[in-house]
Structure formats: structure tokens, C-alpha cells
Amino acid sequence: MLGMILLQAAAGAGLAKIGACIGAGIVAIGAGLGIGKIGSSAMESIARQPESSNDIRANMIVIAALVEGVALFAIIVCLLAIFL
């Protein structure tokens, strides 16, 4: 009985590690897509209104940094799930 419980716990830990790896991959892809969308929208906005390019560029950098921070936080959580 105890052996079966230990086997189920080991299998569950393996599935958790696989899930964490998949989660880290999804986070990286999502962050890349999000930053790409931010960049393309900013370039389109600058093309429409070149006089406000400095404001648009500054906002784009701030938003991209926030997305990057959230992605880094999510990847760290996934790595903690793998190793702990």
C-alpha cells in the first residue's frame, strides 16, 4: 500500500515538472508575441503621427519592460516548481 502511494507521488511530481516546463515555454512565447505587438503598434502610431514619436517610444519601452518583468516572474515560478 505504501509503495503504491509513493509511486503515485513520484508520478505526480513528474507531471508537475512537465507542466512547469510547458508553462515556461508558453510564457516565453506569450511575452515574445506581446512585445512584438507592442512594437508594431508603436511603429504604426509613429508613422501616423511623427510629431509625437518621443512620447510613443517612451510609453512603448515602459510597457515592454512591464511585460518582460511579468514574463520573468512567471518563468521563475515555473523553475521553482521544477526544482522544489
C-alpha atoms as a PDB file:
ATOM      1  CA  MET A   1       0.000   0.000   0.000  1.00  0.00           C
ATOM      2  CA  LEU A   2       2.764   2.440   0.947  1.00  0.00           C
ATOM      3  CA  GLY A   3       4.674   1.534  -2.210  1.00  0.00           C
ATOM      4  CA  MET A   4       1.679   2.429  -4.381  1.00  0.00           C
ATOM      5  CA  ILE A   5       1.307   5.782  -2.633  1.00  0.00           C
ATOM      6  CA  LEU A   6       4.997   6.560  -3.186  1.00  0.00           C
ATOM      7  CA  LEU A   7       4.721   5.600  -6.869  1.00  0.00           C
ATOM      8  CA  GLN A   8       1.706   7.863  -7.313  1.00  0.00           C
ATOM      9  CA  ALA A   9       3.530  10.731  -5.597  1.00  0.00           C
ATOM     10  CA  ALA A  10       6.562  10.230  -7.856  1.00  0.00           C
ATOM     11  CA  ALA A  11       4.359  10.160 -10.956  1.00  0.00           C
ATOM     12  CA  GLY A  12       2.586  13.314  -9.803  1.00  0.00           C
ATOM     13  CA  ALA A  13       5.924  15.050  -9.266  1.00  0.00           C
ATOM     14  CA  GLY A  14       6.967  14.083 -12.796  1.00  0.00           C
ATOM     15  CA  LEU A  15       3.773  15.501 -14.238  1.00  0.00           C
ATOM     16  CA  ALA A  16       4.269  18.690 -12.251  1.00  0.00           C
ATOM     17  CA  LYS A  17       7.736  19.116 -13.727  1.00  0.00           C
ATOM     18  CA  ILE A  18       6.426  18.554 -17.244  1.00  0.00           C
ATOM     19  CA  GLY A  19       3.655  21.074 -16.606  1.00  0.00           C
ATOM     20  CA  ALA A  20       6.157  23.608 -15.295  1.00  0.00           C
ATOM     21  CA  CYS A  21       8.326  23.190 -18.393  1.00  0.00           C
ATOM     22  CA  ILE A  22       5.332  23.636 -20.687  1.00  0.00           C
ATOM     23  CA  GLY A  23       4.267  26.675 -18.662  1.00  0.00           C
ATOM     24  CA  ALA A  24       7.701  28.272 -19.004  1.00  0.00           C
ATOM     25  CA  GLY A  25       7.573  27.735 -22.760  1.00  0.00           C
ATOM     26  CA  ILE A  26       4.122  29.259 -23.040  1.00  0.00           C
ATOM     27  CA  VAL A  27       5.247  32.273 -21.006  1.00  0.00           C
ATOM     28  CA  ALA A  28       8.248  32.852 -23.277  1.00  0.00           C
ATOM     29  CA  ILE A  29       6.114  32.598 -26.420  1.00  0.00           C
ATOM     30  CA  GLY A  30       3.437  34.876 -24.962  1.00  0.00           C
ATOM     31  CA  ALA A  31       5.966  37.501 -23.930  1.00  0.00           C
ATOM     32  CA  GLY A  32       7.540  37.461 -27.386  1.00  0.00           C
ATOM     33  CA  LEU A  33       4.181  37.863 -29.076  1.00  0.00           C
ATOM     34  CA  GLY A  34       3.154  40.629 -26.683  1.00  0.00           C
ATOM     35  CA  ILE A  35       6.324  42.646 -27.121  1.00  0.00           C
ATOM     36  CA  GLY A  36       6.104  42.183 -30.885  1.00  0.00           C
ATOM     37  CA  LYS A  37       2.545  43.504 -30.879  1.00  0.00           C
ATOM     38  CA  ILE A  38       3.587  46.479 -28.745  1.00  0.00           C
ATOM     39  CA  GLY A  39       6.439  47.285 -31.121  1.00  0.00           C
ATOM     40  CA  SER A  40       4.340  47.013 -34.263  1.00  0.00           C
ATOM     41  CA  SER A  41       1.573  49.164 -32.804  1.00  0.00           C
ATOM     42  CA  ALA A  42       4.089  51.784 -31.690  1.00  0.00           C
ATOM     43  CA  MET A  43       5.715  51.918 -35.126  1.00  0.00           C
ATOM     44  CA  GLU A  44       2.306  52.285 -36.755  1.00  0.00           C
ATOM     45  CA  SER A  45       1.424  55.092 -34.343  1.00  0.00           C
ATOM     46  CA  ILE A  46       4.709  56.870 -35.027  1.00  0.00           C
ATOM     47  CA  ALA A  47       4.091  56.571 -38.775  1.00  0.00           C
ATOM     48  CA  ARG A  48       0.663  58.185 -38.339  1.00  0.00           C
ATOM     49  CA  GLN A  49       1.833  60.965 -36.011  1.00  0.00           C
ATOM     50  CA  PRO A  50       5.579  61.561 -36.303  1.00  0.00           C
ATOM     51  CA  GLU A  51       5.446  64.659 -34.082  1.00  0.00           C
ATOM     52  CA  SER A  52       4.629  62.546 -31.010  1.00  0.00           C
ATOM     53  CA  SER A  53       7.267  59.882 -31.622  1.00  0.00           C
ATOM     54  CA  ASN A  54       9.166  60.581 -28.380  1.00  0.00           C
ATOM     55  CA  ASP A  55       6.075  60.069 -26.210  1.00  0.00           C
ATOM     56  CA  ILE A  56       5.061  56.918 -28.067  1.00  0.00           C
ATOM     57  CA  ARG A  57       8.576  55.468 -27.883  1.00  0.00           C
ATOM     58  CA  ALA A  58       8.843  56.148 -24.143  1.00  0.00           C
ATOM     59  CA  ASN A  59       5.491  54.510 -23.476  1.00  0.00           C
ATOM     60  CA  MET A  60       6.442  51.546 -25.650  1.00  0.00           C
ATOM     61  CA  ILE A  61       9.638  50.967 -23.673  1.00  0.00           C
ATOM     62  CA  VAL A  62       7.826  51.159 -20.330  1.00  0.00           C
ATOM     63  CA  ILE A  63       5.110  48.733 -21.414  1.00  0.00           C
ATOM     64  CA  ALA A  64       7.647  46.306 -22.930  1.00  0.00           C
ATOM     65  CA  ALA A  65       9.614  46.380 -19.670  1.00  0.00           C
ATOM     66  CA  LEU A  66       6.462  45.571 -17.701  1.00  0.00           C
ATOM     67  CA  VAL A  67       5.654  42.639 -19.984  1.00  0.00           C
ATOM     68  CA  GLU A  68       9.238  41.409 -19.687  1.00  0.00           C
ATOM     69  CA  GLY A  69       9.060  41.641 -15.892  1.00  0.00           C
ATOM     70  CA  VAL A  70       5.858  39.627 -15.717  1.00  0.00           C
ATOM     71  CA  ALA A  71       7.326  37.010 -18.063  1.00  0.00           C
ATOM     72  CA  LEU A  72      10.490  36.750 -15.961  1.00  0.00           C
ATOM     73  CA  PHE A  73       8.411  36.351 -12.799  1.00  0.00           C
ATOM     74  CA  ALA A  74       6.329  33.587 -14.411  1.00  0.00           C
ATOM     75  CA  ILE A  75       9.418  31.728 -15.632  1.00  0.00           C
ATOM     76  CA  ILE A  76      10.967  31.910 -12.154  1.00  0.00           C
ATOM     77  CA  VAL A  77       7.768  30.438 -10.696  1.00  0.00           C
ATOM     78  CA  CYS A  78       7.925  27.605 -13.250  1.00  0.00           C
ATOM     79  CA  LEU A  79      11.580  26.948 -12.409  1.00  0.00           C
ATOM     80  CA  LEU A  80      10.765  26.865  -8.696  1.00  0.00           C
ATOM     81  CA  ALA A  81       8.057  24.311  -9.441  1.00  0.00           C
ATOM     82  CA  ILE A  82      10.627  22.151 -11.212  1.00  0.00           C
ATOM     83  CA  PHE A  83      13.334  22.252  -8.553  1.00  0.00           C
ATOM     84  CA  LEU A  84      11.271  22.350  -5.351  1.00  0.00           C
END
